[in-house]
C-alpha atoms as a PDB file:
ATOM      1  CA  MET A   1       0.028  -0.224  -0.043  1.00  0.00           C
ATOM      2  CA  ILE A   2       1.002   3.440  -0.760  1.00  0.00           C
ATOM      3  CA  THR A   3       1.658   5.671   2.144  1.00  0.00           C
ATOM      4  CA  SER A   4       1.847   9.719   1.770  1.00  0.00           C
ATOM      5  CA  GLY A   5       4.767  10.348   4.516  1.00  0.00           C
ATOM      6  CA  ILE A   6       2.312  13.657   4.740  1.00  0.00           C
ATOM      7  CA  ILE A   7       2.800  14.128   8.865  1.00  0.00           C
ATOM      8  CA  LEU A   8       0.079  16.500  10.064  1.00  0.00           C
ATOM      9  CA  SER A   9       1.455  17.576  14.115  1.00  0.00           C
ATOM     10  CA  GLU A  10       2.548  20.844  14.586  1.00  0.00           C
ATOM     11  CA  VAL A  11       5.605  22.245  14.398  1.00  0.00           C
ATOM     12  CA  LYS A  12       6.614  25.929  15.636  1.00  0.00           C
ATOM     13  CA  VAL A  13       8.215  27.520  12.759  1.00  0.00           C
ATOM     14  CA  PRO A  14       5.720  30.064  11.968  1.00  0.00           C
ATOM     15  CA  VAL A  15       5.380  30.782   8.251  1.00  0.00           C
ATOM     16  CA  GLU A  16       6.376  34.736   7.846  1.00  0.00           C
ATOM     17  CA  PRO A  17       8.675  36.202   5.832  1.00  0.00           C
ATOM     18  CA  ALA A  18      12.112  35.709   6.587  1.00  0.00           C
ATOM     19  CA  SER A  19      13.940  37.930   8.298  1.00  0.00           C
ATOM     20  CA  ASN A  20      16.627  38.656   5.106  1.00  0.00           C
ATOM     21  CA  VAL A  21      13.218  37.996   2.577  1.00  0.00           C
ATOM     22  CA  ASP A  22      11.464  41.292   2.515  1.00  0.00           C
ATOM     23  CA  GLN A  23       7.687  40.707   2.764  1.00  0.00           C
ATOM     24  CA  GLN A  24       6.415  42.884  -0.571  1.00  0.00           C
ATOM     25  CA  LEU A  25       9.094  40.820  -2.932  1.00  0.00           C
ATOM     26  CA  SER A  26       7.947  38.539  -5.062  1.00  0.00           C
ATOM     27  CA  PHE A  27       8.608  35.009  -6.495  1.00  0.00           C
ATOM     28  CA  ASP A  28      10.326  36.507  -9.152  1.00  0.00           C
ATOM     29  CA  GLU A  29      11.920  38.621  -7.137  1.00  0.00           C
ATOM     30  CA  VAL A  30      13.144  36.040  -4.464  1.00  0.00           C
ATOM     31  CA  THR A  31      14.419  33.892  -6.916  1.00  0.00           C
ATOM     32  CA  ALA A  32      16.282  36.682  -9.126  1.00  0.00           C
ATOM     33  CA  PRO A  33      19.491  35.312  -8.427  1.00  0.00           C
ATOM     34  CA  CYS A  34      18.993  31.890  -9.962  1.00  0.00           C
ATOM     35  CA  GLN A  35      17.630  33.129 -13.126  1.00  0.00           C
ATOM     36  CA  PRO A  36      21.963  32.847 -15.248  1.00  0.00           C
ATOM     37  CA  ASP A  37      21.374  28.897 -13.858  1.00  0.00           C
ATOM     38  CA  MET A  38      17.935  28.799 -15.204  1.00  0.00           C
ATOM     39  CA  GLN A  39      18.648  29.972 -18.459  1.00  0.00           C
ATOM     40  CA  ALA A  40      21.445  27.108 -18.425  1.00  0.00           C
ATOM     41  CA  VAL A  41      18.844  24.509 -17.821  1.00  0.00           C
ATOM     42  CA  ASP A  42      16.706  25.874 -20.309  1.00  0.00           C
ATOM     43  CA  GLU A  43      19.166  26.039 -23.017  1.00  0.00           C
ATOM     44  CA  ILE A  44      19.311  22.401 -21.836  1.00  0.00           C
ATOM     45  CA  ILE A  45      15.415  21.829 -22.363  1.00  0.00           C
ATOM     46  CA  HIS A  46      15.364  23.908 -26.239  1.00  0.00           C
ATOM     47  CA  GLN A  47      18.368  21.114 -27.014  1.00  0.00           C
ATOM     48  CA  ARG A  48      16.676  18.133 -25.773  1.00  0.00           C
ATOM     49  CA  LEU A  49      13.105  18.852 -27.249  1.00  0.00           C
ATOM     50  CA  SER A  50      14.885  18.160 -30.693  1.00  0.00           C
ATOM     51  CA  SER A  51      12.755  15.974 -32.682  1.00  0.00           C
ATOM     52  CA  ASP A  52      12.925  14.389 -36.251  1.00  0.00           C
ATOM     53  CA  VAL A  53       9.189  14.987 -36.344  1.00  0.00           C
ATOM     54  CA  ALA A  54       7.708  18.106 -36.635  1.00  0.00           C
ATOM     55  CA  LEU A  55       4.415  17.540 -34.530  1.00  0.00           C
ATOM     56  CA  VAL A  56       6.344  16.407 -31.699  1.00  0.00           C
ATOM     57  CA  ASN A  57       8.806  19.992 -31.861  1.00  0.00           C
ATOM     58  CA  GLN A  58       5.757  22.017 -32.416  1.00  0.00           C
ATOM     59  CA  LEU A  59       3.612  20.886 -29.355  1.00  0.00           C
ATOM     60  CA  SER A  60       6.362  19.711 -26.927  1.00  0.00           C
ATOM     61  CA  HIS A  61       7.726  23.429 -27.561  1.00  0.00           C
ATOM     62  CA  TYR A  62       4.259  25.011 -26.897  1.00  0.00           C
ATOM     63  CA  ILE A  63       4.006  23.323 -23.875  1.00  0.00           C
ATOM     64  CA  VAL A  64       7.243  23.910 -22.405  1.00  0.00           C
ATOM     65  CA  ASN A  65       7.012  27.569 -23.081  1.00  0.00           C
ATOM     66  CA  SER A  66       3.187  28.614 -22.384  1.00  0.00           C
ATOM     67  CA  GLY A  67       4.822  29.832 -19.299  1.00  0.00           C
ATOM     68  CA  GLY A  68       4.761  28.708 -15.233  1.00  0.00           C
ATOM     69  CA  LYS A  69       7.162  29.656 -12.674  1.00  0.00           C
ATOM     70  CA  ARG A  70       9.507  26.270 -13.627  1.00  0.00           C
ATOM     71  CA  LEU A  71       9.763  25.588  -9.697  1.00  0.00           C
ATOM     72  CA  ARG A  72      10.791  22.563  -9.711  1.00  0.00           C
ATOM     73  CA  PRO A  73      13.556  22.095 -11.940  1.00  0.00           C
ATOM     74  CA  LEU A  74      14.932  25.464  -9.820  1.00  0.00           C
ATOM     75  CA  ILE A  75      14.406  23.923  -6.647  1.00  0.00           C
ATOM     76  CA  THR A  76      16.569  21.149  -8.295  1.00  0.00           C
ATOM     77  CA  LEU A  77      19.258  23.261  -8.645  1.00  0.00           C
ATOM     78  CA  LEU A  78      18.713  25.464  -4.985  1.00  0.00           C
ATOM     79  CA  SER A  79      19.283  21.720  -3.417  1.00  0.00           C
ATOM     80  CA  ALA A  80      22.438  21.878  -5.081  1.00  0.00           C
ATOM     81  CA  LYS A  81      23.941  24.872  -4.226  1.00  0.00           C
ATOM     82  CA  ALA A  82      22.766  24.559  -0.823  1.00  0.00           C
ATOM     83  CA  PHE A  83      25.635  21.996  -0.823  1.00  0.00           C
ATOM     84  CA  ASP A  84      27.912  23.954  -2.563  1.00  0.00           C
ATOM     85  CA  TYR A  85      27.858  21.694  -5.989  1.00  0.00           C
ATOM     86  CA  GLN A  86      30.181  22.784  -8.340  1.00  0.00           C
ATOM     87  CA  GLY A  87      29.893  20.939 -11.791  1.00  0.00           C
ATOM     88  CA  ASP A  88      26.946  21.682 -14.136  1.00  0.00           C
ATOM     89  CA  MET A  89      24.980  18.524 -14.176  1.00  0.00           C
ATOM     90  CA  HIS A  90      22.831  19.511 -11.782  1.00  0.00           C
ATOM     91  CA  TYR A  91      21.263  21.866 -14.763  1.00  0.00           C
ATOM     92  CA  LEU A  92      20.590  18.302 -16.752  1.00  0.00           C
ATOM     93  CA  MET A  93      19.247  16.724 -13.853  1.00  0.00           C
ATOM     94  CA  ALA A  94      16.780  20.212 -13.483  1.00  0.00           C
ATOM     95  CA  ALA A  95      15.859  19.662 -17.053  1.00  0.00           C
ATOM     96  CA  ILE A  96      14.834  16.120 -16.976  1.00  0.00           C
ATOM     97  CA  ILE A  97      12.573  17.323 -13.724  1.00  0.00           C
ATOM     98  CA  GLU A  98      10.637  19.350 -16.276  1.00  0.00           C
ATOM     99  CA  PHE A  99      10.532  17.398 -18.710  1.00  0.00           C
ATOM    100  CA  ILE A 100       9.043  14.409 -16.966  1.00  0.00           C
ATOM    101  CA  HIS A 101       6.851  17.579 -14.841  1.00  0.00           C
ATOM    102  CA  THR A 102       5.785  18.908 -18.742  1.00  0.00           C
ATOM    103  CA  ALA A 103       4.660  15.062 -19.550  1.00  0.00           C
ATOM    104  CA  THR A 104       2.971  14.581 -16.370  1.00  0.00           C
ATOM    105  CA  LEU A 105       0.609  17.383 -17.258  1.00  0.00           C
ATOM    106  CA  LEU A 106      -0.342  16.879 -20.976  1.00  0.00           C
ATOM    107  CA  HIS A 107      -1.558  13.657 -19.779  1.00  0.00           C
ATOM    108  CA  ASP A 108      -2.824  15.701 -17.006  1.00  0.00           C
ATOM    109  CA  ASP A 109      -4.782  17.321 -19.274  1.00  0.00           C
ATOM    110  CA  VAL A 110      -6.535  14.937 -21.543  1.00  0.00           C
ATOM    111  CA  VAL A 111      -7.336  12.941 -18.740  1.00  0.00           C
ATOM    112  CA  ASP A 112      -9.369  16.252 -16.822  1.00  0.00           C
ATOM    113  CA  GLU A 113     -10.466  17.116 -20.004  1.00  0.00           C
ATOM    114  CA  SER A 114      -9.086  20.626 -19.271  1.00  0.00           C
ATOM    115  CA  ASN A 115      -9.127  23.427 -21.898  1.00  0.00           C
ATOM    116  CA  LEU A 116      -7.188  26.439 -20.193  1.00  0.00           C
ATOM    117  CA  ARG A 117      -3.899  25.708 -17.952  1.00  0.00           C
ATOM    118  CA  ARG A 118      -2.321  29.116 -17.345  1.00  0.00           C
ATOM    119  CA  GLY A 119      -3.971  31.055 -18.449  1.00  0.00           C
ATOM    120  CA  ASN A 120      -3.648  29.242 -22.893  1.00  0.00           C
ATOM    121  CA  GLU A 121      -5.146  26.836 -24.029  1.00  0.00           C
ATOM    122  CA  THR A 122      -3.977  23.830 -23.326  1.00  0.00           C
ATOM    123  CA  ALA A 123      -2.061  21.692 -25.835  1.00  0.00           C
ATOM    124  CA  ASN A 124      -5.072  18.661 -26.186  1.00  0.00           C
ATOM    125  CA  ALA A 125      -7.809  21.432 -26.656  1.00  0.00           C
ATOM    126  CA  LEU A 126      -5.286  22.865 -29.596  1.00  0.00           C
ATOM    127  CA  PHE A 127      -3.551  19.904 -30.908  1.00  0.00           C
ATOM    128  CA  GLY A 128      -6.113  17.119 -29.713  1.00  0.00           C
ATOM    129  CA  ASN A 129      -6.331  14.751 -27.418  1.00  0.00           C
ATOM    130  CA  ALA A 130      -3.955  11.435 -29.191  1.00  0.00           C
ATOM    131  CA  ALA A 131      -0.941  14.060 -29.732  1.00  0.00           C
ATOM    132  CA  SER A 132      -1.031  15.323 -26.736  1.00  0.00           C
ATOM    133  CA  VAL A 133      -0.682  12.029 -25.018  1.00  0.00           C
ATOM    134  CA  LEU A 134       1.448  10.786 -27.783  1.00  0.00           C
ATOM    135  CA  VAL A 135       4.089  14.078 -27.258  1.00  0.00           C
ATOM    136  CA  GLY A 136       3.966  13.021 -23.213  1.00  0.00           C
ATOM    137  CA  ASP A 137       5.040   9.374 -23.695  1.00  0.00           C
ATOM    138  CA  PHE A 138       8.220  11.323 -26.051  1.00  0.00           C
ATOM    139  CA  LEU A 139       9.147  13.555 -22.957  1.00  0.00           C
ATOM    140  CA  TYR A 140       8.862  11.027 -20.442  1.00  0.00           C
ATOM    141  CA  SER A 141      11.590   9.196 -22.976  1.00  0.00           C
ATOM    142  CA  ARG A 142      13.695  11.351 -23.780  1.00  0.00           C
ATOM    143  CA  ALA A 143      13.915  12.169 -20.051  1.00  0.00           C
ATOM    144  CA  PHE A 144      15.049   8.674 -19.416  1.00  0.00           C
ATOM    145  CA  GLU A 145      17.588   8.919 -21.906  1.00  0.00           C
ATOM    146  CA  MET A 146      18.594  12.046 -20.272  1.00  0.00           C
ATOM    147  CA  MET A 147      19.425  10.229 -17.475  1.00  0.00           C
ATOM    148  CA  ILE A 148      21.663   8.175 -18.410  1.00  0.00           C
ATOM    149  CA  ASP A 149      24.220  10.833 -19.333  1.00  0.00           C
ATOM    150  CA  VAL A 150      23.963  11.149 -15.634  1.00  0.00           C
ATOM    151  CA  ASP A 151      25.283   8.031 -15.207  1.00  0.00           C
ATOM    152  CA  ASP A 152      24.348   7.415 -11.422  1.00  0.00           C
ATOM    153  CA  MET A 153      21.705   4.393 -10.623  1.00  0.00           C
ATOM    154  CA  ARG A 154      20.710   6.227  -7.637  1.00  0.00           C
ATOM    155  CA  VAL A 155      19.603   8.866  -9.654  1.00  0.00           C
ATOM    156  CA  MET A 156      17.723   6.257 -12.179  1.00  0.00           C
ATOM    157  CA  GLN A 157      16.019   4.431  -9.429  1.00  0.00           C
ATOM    158  CA  ILE A 158      14.735   7.860  -7.471  1.00  0.00           C
ATOM    159  CA  LEU A 159      13.305   8.894 -10.647  1.00  0.00           C
ATOM    160  CA  ALA A 160      12.286   5.486 -12.021  1.00  0.00           C
ATOM    161  CA  THR A 161      10.497   5.391  -8.778  1.00  0.00           C
ATOM    162  CA  THR A 162       9.715   8.841  -9.130  1.00  0.00           C
ATOM    163  CA  THR A 163       7.799   8.298 -12.243  1.00  0.00           C
ATOM    164  CA  ASN A 164       6.075   5.251 -10.924  1.00  0.00           C
ATOM    165  CA  VAL A 165       4.238   6.155  -8.015  1.00  0.00           C
ATOM    166  CA  ILE A 166       3.364   9.889 -10.077  1.00  0.00           C
ATOM    167  CA  ALA A 167       0.471   6.790 -12.126  1.00  0.00           C
ATOM    168  CA  GLU A 168      -0.057   5.709  -9.433  1.00  0.00           C
ATOM    169  CA  GLY A 169      -1.063   8.300  -8.500  1.00  0.00           C
ATOM    170  CA  GLU A 170      -2.968   9.664 -11.559  1.00  0.00           C
ATOM    171  CA  VAL A 171      -5.194   6.044 -11.343  1.00  0.00           C
ATOM    172  CA  MET A 172      -5.634   6.903  -7.511  1.00  0.00           C
ATOM    173  CA  GLN A 173      -7.442  10.947  -8.417  1.00  0.00           C
ATOM    174  CA  LEU A 174      -8.766   8.500 -11.561  1.00  0.00           C
ATOM    175  CA  MET A 175     -10.892   6.115  -8.591  1.00  0.00           C
ATOM    176  CA  ASN A 176     -11.663   8.898  -6.304  1.00  0.00           C
ATOM    177  CA  VAL A 177     -13.584  11.315  -9.270  1.00  0.00           C
ATOM    178  CA  HIS A 178     -17.227  11.118  -8.514  1.00  0.00           C
ATOM    179  CA  ASN A 179     -17.044   9.796  -5.548  1.00  0.00           C
ATOM    180  CA  ALA A 180     -18.577  11.571  -2.192  1.00  0.00           C
ATOM    181  CA  GLU A 181     -16.901   9.626   0.841  1.00  0.00           C
ATOM    182  CA  THR A 182     -13.732  10.198  -0.635  1.00  0.00           C
ATOM    183  CA  THR A 183     -11.959  10.937   3.082  1.00  0.00           C
ATOM    184  CA  GLU A 184      -8.791  13.126   3.965  1.00  0.00           C
ATOM    185  CA  GLU A 185      -6.174  10.778   4.172  1.00  0.00           C
ATOM    186  CA  LYS A 186      -7.283   9.446   0.734  1.00  0.00           C
ATOM    187  CA  TYR A 187      -6.682  12.923  -0.326  1.00  0.00           C
ATOM    188  CA  LEU A 188      -3.750  13.583   0.972  1.00  0.00           C
ATOM    189  CA  GLU A 189      -2.127  10.303  -0.180  1.00  0.00           C
ATOM    190  CA  VAL A 190      -3.426  11.616  -4.231  1.00  0.00           C
ATOM    191  CA  ILE A 191      -1.365  14.937  -3.225  1.00  0.00           C
ATOM    192  CA  HIS A 192       2.021  12.879  -2.041  1.00  0.00           C
ATOM    193  CA  CYS A 193       1.909  10.424  -4.703  1.00  0.00           C
ATOM    194  CA  LYS A 194       0.818  12.968  -7.738  1.00  0.00           C
ATOM    195  CA  THR A 195       2.045  16.057  -6.874  1.00  0.00           C
ATOM    196  CA  ALA A 196       4.778  16.477  -4.265  1.00  0.00           C
ATOM    197  CA  LYS A 197       6.692  13.282  -5.173  1.00  0.00           C
ATOM    198  CA  LEU A 198       7.885  15.044  -7.991  1.00  0.00           C
ATOM    199  CA  PHE A 199       9.383  17.681  -5.471  1.00  0.00           C
ATOM    200  CA  GLU A 200      10.320  15.635  -3.387  1.00  0.00           C
ATOM    201  CA  ALA A 201      12.649  13.945  -6.085  1.00  0.00           C
ATOM    202  CA  ALA A 202      13.909  17.248  -7.103  1.00  0.00           C
ATOM    203  CA  THR A 203      15.530  18.501  -4.007  1.00  0.00           C
ATOM    204  CA  GLN A 204      16.913  15.183  -2.958  1.00  0.00           C
ATOM    205  CA  LEU A 205      18.530  14.596  -6.173  1.00  0.00           C
ATOM    206  CA  GLY A 206      20.046  17.799  -5.767  1.00  0.00           C
ATOM    207  CA  ALA A 207      21.835  16.735  -2.563  1.00  0.00           C
ATOM    208  CA  VAL A 208      22.465  12.652  -4.223  1.00  0.00           C
ATOM    209  CA  LEU A 209      24.258  14.894  -6.738  1.00  0.00           C
ATOM    210  CA  CYS A 210      26.561  16.185  -4.121  1.00  0.00           C
ATOM    211  CA  GLN A 211      27.245  12.648  -2.892  1.00  0.00           C
ATOM    212  CA  ARG A 212      25.785  14.098   0.873  1.00  0.00           C
ATOM    213  CA  ASP A 213      24.904  11.551   3.636  1.00  0.00           C
ATOM    214  CA  GLU A 214      21.446   9.841   4.321  1.00  0.00           C
ATOM    215  CA  ARG A 215      20.321  12.016   6.706  1.00  0.00           C
ATOM    216  CA  GLU A 216      20.433  15.331   4.449  1.00  0.00           C
ATOM    217  CA  VAL A 217      19.371  13.720   1.614  1.00  0.00           C
ATOM    218  CA  GLN A 218      15.971  12.269   3.927  1.00  0.00           C
ATOM    219  CA  ALA A 219      16.017  15.779   4.640  1.00  0.00           C
ATOM    220  CA  MET A 220      15.985  17.418   1.152  1.00  0.00           C
ATOM    221  CA  ALA A 221      13.567  14.774   0.274  1.00  0.00           C
ATOM    222  CA  ALA A 222      11.022  15.758   3.024  1.00  0.00           C
ATOM    223  CA  TYR A 223      11.957  19.355   2.270  1.00  0.00           C
ATOM    224  CA  GLY A 224      10.523  18.794  -1.492  1.00  0.00           C
ATOM    225  CA  ARG A 225       7.704  16.644  -0.050  1.00  0.00           C
ATOM    226  CA  TYR A 226       5.924  19.362   2.278  1.00  0.00           C
ATOM    227  CA  LEU A 227       6.765  21.639  -0.239  1.00  0.00           C
ATOM    228  CA  GLY A 228       4.937  20.000  -2.776  1.00  0.00           C
ATOM    229  CA  THR A 229       1.696  19.438  -0.745  1.00  0.00           C
ATOM    230  CA  ALA A 230       1.794  22.865   0.526  1.00  0.00           C
ATOM    231  CA  PHE A 231       1.620  24.043  -3.127  1.00  0.00           C
ATOM    232  CA  GLN A 232      -1.217  21.754  -3.853  1.00  0.00           C
ATOM    233  CA  LEU A 233      -3.369  22.505  -0.928  1.00  0.00           C
ATOM    234  CA  ILE A 234      -3.212  25.931  -1.899  1.00  0.00           C
ATOM    235  CA  ASP A 235      -3.884  25.102  -5.322  1.00  0.00           C
ATOM    236  CA  ASP A 236      -6.433  23.719  -4.007  1.00  0.00           C
ATOM    237  CA  VAL A 237      -8.326  26.917  -2.451  1.00  0.00           C
ATOM    238  CA  MET A 238      -7.504  28.539  -5.253  1.00  0.00           C
ATOM    239  CA  ASP A 239      -9.903  27.124  -6.928  1.00  0.00           C
ATOM    240  CA  TYR A 240     -12.851  27.778  -4.956  1.00  0.00           C
ATOM    241  CA  SER A 241     -11.540  31.514  -3.968  1.00  0.00           C
ATOM    242  CA  SER A 242      -9.457  33.027  -7.245  1.00  0.00           C
ATOM    243  CA  ASN A 243     -10.432  34.272 -10.727  1.00  0.00           C
ATOM    244  CA  SER A 244      -9.641  32.723 -13.527  1.00  0.00           C
ATOM    245  CA  GLU A 245      -7.470  35.237 -14.725  1.00  0.00           C
ATOM    246  CA  GLN A 246      -5.435  35.197 -12.067  1.00  0.00           C
ATOM    247  CA  MET A 247      -5.050  31.533 -11.463  1.00  0.00           C
ATOM    248  CA  GLY A 248      -4.857  30.375 -15.528  1.00  0.00           C
ATOM    249  CA  LYS A 249      -7.575  28.324 -15.205  1.00  0.00           C
ATOM    250  CA  ASN A 250     -11.608  28.138 -14.898  1.00  0.00           C
ATOM    251  CA  VAL A 251     -12.953  28.448 -11.698  1.00  0.00           C
ATOM    252  CA  GLY A 252     -14.374  25.546 -10.284  1.00  0.00           C
ATOM    253  CA  ASP A 253     -12.450  23.340 -12.388  1.00  0.00           C
ATOM    254  CA  ASP A 254     -11.857  20.563  -9.555  1.00  0.00           C
ATOM    255  CA  LEU A 255     -15.522  20.487  -8.806  1.00  0.00           C
ATOM    256  CA  ALA A 256     -16.968  20.451 -12.267  1.00  0.00           C
ATOM    257  CA  GLU A 257     -14.705  17.461 -12.983  1.00  0.00           C
ATOM    258  CA  GLY A 258     -16.118  15.828  -9.697  1.00  0.00           C
ATOM    259  CA  LYS A 259     -12.558  16.066  -7.547  1.00  0.00           C
ATOM    260  CA  PRO A 260     -13.214  15.636  -4.399  1.00  0.00           C
ATOM    261  CA  THR A 261     -10.320  18.335  -3.008  1.00  0.00           C
ATOM    262  CA  LEU A 262      -9.999  19.015   0.711  1.00  0.00           C
ATOM    263  CA  PRO A 263     -12.448  22.303   0.420  1.00  0.00           C
ATOM    264  CA  LEU A 264     -14.809  20.394  -0.411  1.00  0.00           C
ATOM    265  CA  ILE A 265     -13.702  17.258   2.181  1.00  0.00           C
ATOM    266  CA  TYR A 266     -13.867  19.252   4.994  1.00  0.00           C
ATOM    267  CA  ALA A 267     -17.281  20.928   3.892  1.00  0.00           C
ATOM    268  CA  ILE A 268     -19.118  17.812   4.118  1.00  0.00           C
ATOM    269  CA  GLN A 269     -17.448  17.028   7.553  1.00  0.00           C
ATOM    270  CA  GLN A 270     -18.637  20.500   8.606  1.00  0.00           C
ATOM    271  CA  GLY A 271     -22.149  21.296   7.137  1.00  0.00           C
ATOM    272  CA  THR A 272     -25.426  20.996   7.515  1.00  0.00           C
ATOM    273  CA  PRO A 273     -27.076  17.700   6.495  1.00  0.00           C
ATOM    274  CA  GLU A 274     -28.751  19.594   3.548  1.00  0.00           C
ATOM    275  CA  GLN A 275     -25.607  21.686   2.756  1.00  0.00           C
ATOM    276  CA  VAL A 276     -23.660  17.652   3.097  1.00  0.00           C
ATOM    277  CA  ALA A 277     -26.159  16.162   0.602  1.00  0.00           C
ATOM    278  CA  LEU A 278     -25.977  19.413  -2.221  1.00  0.00           C
ATOM    279  CA  ILE A 279     -21.950  19.138  -2.109  1.00  0.00           C
ATOM    280  CA  LYS A 280     -22.056  15.613  -2.593  1.00  0.00           C
ATOM    281  CA  SER A 281     -24.490  15.825  -5.335  1.00  0.00           C
ATOM    282  CA  ALA A 282     -22.356  18.584  -6.871  1.00  0.00           C
ATOM    283  CA  ILE A 283     -19.102  15.949  -6.923  1.00  0.00           C
ATOM    284  CA  GLU A 284     -21.542  12.623  -8.223  1.00  0.00           C
ATOM    285  CA  LYS A 285     -22.422  15.194 -10.768  1.00  0.00           C
ATOM    286  CA  GLY A 286     -19.599  17.064 -11.947  1.00  0.00           C
ATOM    287  CA  GLY A 287     -20.555  20.265 -13.998  1.00  0.00           C
ATOM    288  CA  TYR A 288     -20.811  23.903 -12.897  1.00  0.00           C
ATOM    289  CA  GLY A 289     -24.540  24.347 -12.243  1.00  0.00           C
ATOM    290  CA  LYS A 290     -24.120  24.294  -8.593  1.00  0.00           C
ATOM    291  CA  ILE A 291     -20.668  25.944  -8.249  1.00  0.00           C
ATOM    292  CA  ASP A 292     -22.300  29.186  -6.257  1.00  0.00           C
ATOM    293  CA  GLU A 293     -23.526  26.892  -3.608  1.00  0.00           C
ATOM    294  CA  VAL A 294     -20.934  25.313  -2.736  1.00  0.00           C
ATOM    295  CA  GLN A 295     -18.110  27.996  -3.043  1.00  0.00           C
ATOM    296  CA  ALA A 296     -20.920  29.760  -0.164  1.00  0.00           C
ATOM    297  CA  ILE A 297     -20.750  26.372   1.488  1.00  0.00           C
ATOM    298  CA  ILE A 298     -17.240  26.350   1.352  1.00  0.00           C
ATOM    299  CA  GLU A 299     -16.640  29.945   2.734  1.00  0.00           C
ATOM    300  CA  GLN A 300     -19.509  29.128   5.854  1.00  0.00           C
ATOM    301  CA  THR A 301     -17.754  25.883   7.333  1.00  0.00           C
ATOM    302  CA  GLY A 302     -14.274  27.148   7.031  1.00  0.00           C
ATOM    303  CA  ALA A 303     -12.911  24.705   4.880  1.00  0.00           C
ATOM    304  CA  LEU A 304     -10.532  27.173   2.758  1.00  0.00           C
ATOM    305  CA  LEU A 305      -9.563  28.661   6.207  1.00  0.00           C
ATOM    306  CA  HIS A 306      -8.814  24.833   7.012  1.00  0.00           C
ATOM    307  CA  THR A 307      -7.230  24.178   3.466  1.00  0.00           C
ATOM    308  CA  GLU A 308      -5.145  27.064   4.190  1.00  0.00           C
ATOM    309  CA  LYS A 309      -3.733  26.181   7.670  1.00  0.00           C
ATOM    310  CA  MET A 310      -3.048  22.695   6.397  1.00  0.00           C
ATOM    311  CA  ALA A 311      -1.168  24.049   3.520  1.00  0.00           C
ATOM    312  CA  GLN A 312       1.440  26.266   6.146  1.00  0.00           C
ATOM    313  CA  GLN A 313       1.555  23.670   8.642  1.00  0.00           C
ATOM    314  CA  GLN A 314       3.216  21.798   5.444  1.00  0.00           C
ATOM    315  CA  ALA A 315       5.515  24.966   4.622  1.00  0.00           C
ATOM    316  CA  GLU A 316       6.505  24.759   8.822  1.00  0.00           C
ATOM    317  CA  LEU A 317       7.965  21.309   8.559  1.00  0.00           C
ATOM    318  CA  ALA A 318       9.828  21.436   5.026  1.00  0.00           C
ATOM    319  CA  ILE A 319      11.489  24.937   6.682  1.00  0.00           C
ATOM    320  CA  ALA A 320      12.144  22.566   9.666  1.00  0.00           C
ATOM    321  CA  HIS A 321      13.478  20.243   7.809  1.00  0.00           C
ATOM    322  CA  LEU A 322      16.237  23.116   5.886  1.00  0.00           C
ATOM    323  CA  ALA A 323      17.987  23.636   9.609  1.00  0.00           C
ATOM    324  CA  GLY A 324      20.873  21.554   8.906  1.00  0.00           C
ATOM    325  CA  LEU A 325      22.106  22.856   5.867  1.00  0.00           C
ATOM    326  CA  PRO A 326      24.718  25.482   6.518  1.00  0.00           C
ATOM    327  CA  GLU A 327      24.361  29.059   5.858  1.00  0.00           C
ATOM    328  CA  SER A 328      23.909  30.218   2.363  1.00  0.00           C
ATOM    329  CA  GLU A 329      22.313  31.645  -0.393  1.00  0.00           C
ATOM    330  CA  SER A 330      20.123  28.802  -2.419  1.00  0.00           C
ATOM    331  CA  LYS A 331      19.265  28.063   1.601  1.00  0.00           C
ATOM    332  CA  ASN A 332      17.780  31.060   2.288  1.00  0.00           C
ATOM    333  CA  ILE A 333      15.969  30.855  -1.023  1.00  0.00           C
ATOM    334  CA  LEU A 334      14.500  27.448  -0.719  1.00  0.00           C
ATOM    335  CA  ASP A 335      13.381  29.087   3.022  1.00  0.00           C
ATOM    336  CA  ALA A 336      11.394  32.185   0.829  1.00  0.00           C
ATOM    337  CA  ILE A 337      10.550  29.789  -1.329  1.00  0.00           C
ATOM    338  CA  ALA A 338       8.638  27.828   1.451  1.00  0.00           C
ATOM    339  CA  ARG A 339       7.443  30.591   2.634  1.00  0.00           C
ATOM    340  CA  LEU A 340       5.698  32.096  -0.408  1.00  0.00           C
ATOM    341  CA  SER A 341       3.934  29.230  -1.711  1.00  0.00           C
ATOM    342  CA  VAL A 342       1.566  29.585   0.870  1.00  0.00           C
ATOM    343  CA  HIS A 343       0.120  33.269   0.070  1.00  0.00           C
ATOM    344  CA  ARG A 344       0.236  32.463  -4.268  1.00  0.00           C
ATOM    345  CA  THR A 345      -2.411  33.810  -5.486  1.00  0.00           C
ATOM    346  CA  SER A 346      -1.787  31.900  -8.850  1.00  0.00           C
END
């Protein structure tokens, strides 16, 4: 049985702006020192996207260039640099992480029948489901080709396990669709597999590349795992509290797809019998017909506040696992990213 590894006990690390990070700084401003390294990763991404098949080039370049923070490859770089890595293999590993992430996006949008991501039309909306699935497969296989260049069996093992767990998470989420009886525990397990696992691999690989001891490798893995969980929980909050322009996708998409995310699960736990019946019916039927009523119930039951608090707790746990790292700019940025992850609107 897959276990999420998500710990829900309190830790005393308040998620406030770090003393060395201005409260008003944006994500882009906090991560500005990383831009030269990220440009090196982008160069590898564009080199390795090359294919003799025109549609592969067209579609893969579309999805890779469609925006986003490139957070997963960024934390791979920061993890390596936090241990004073001096080589250039971390660029390749960051690109591998981004290829795997992009492949999951292509497959996700087909499964979810999504037509909007990051404010742009999804690849499947433009190119069709078949092309999206097959190019997703191309990106997965290209990522594994690139792993050969790393020439490290530990790296291969981590990434092979990660892609397998992500696939299991996708299937688990599919099994939960339209299931109004999904529990908080089951949902957190889906988050761990589908989202947090790639964050975990991204930061774990930085420590592995630097040949750190197992305690440090696991600390970095835990940082990524908790950061990924916080990130997804805030996504869940935004699905019911933001607007399409802010999120870059349609508000209420999760409900329309029949996905019982944490705000819905908590509202079912706390609502009146009438409210519970309405939410369960909305999950089971899907669509946007009851979105206004469901949003009102979520607000009345404090479901968004509950989800935000859990996200904050996960961010606290992520920060706590940075404690043993040597002081550095990279450590400070990792700390700031965890803090910013629970205050974002897109």
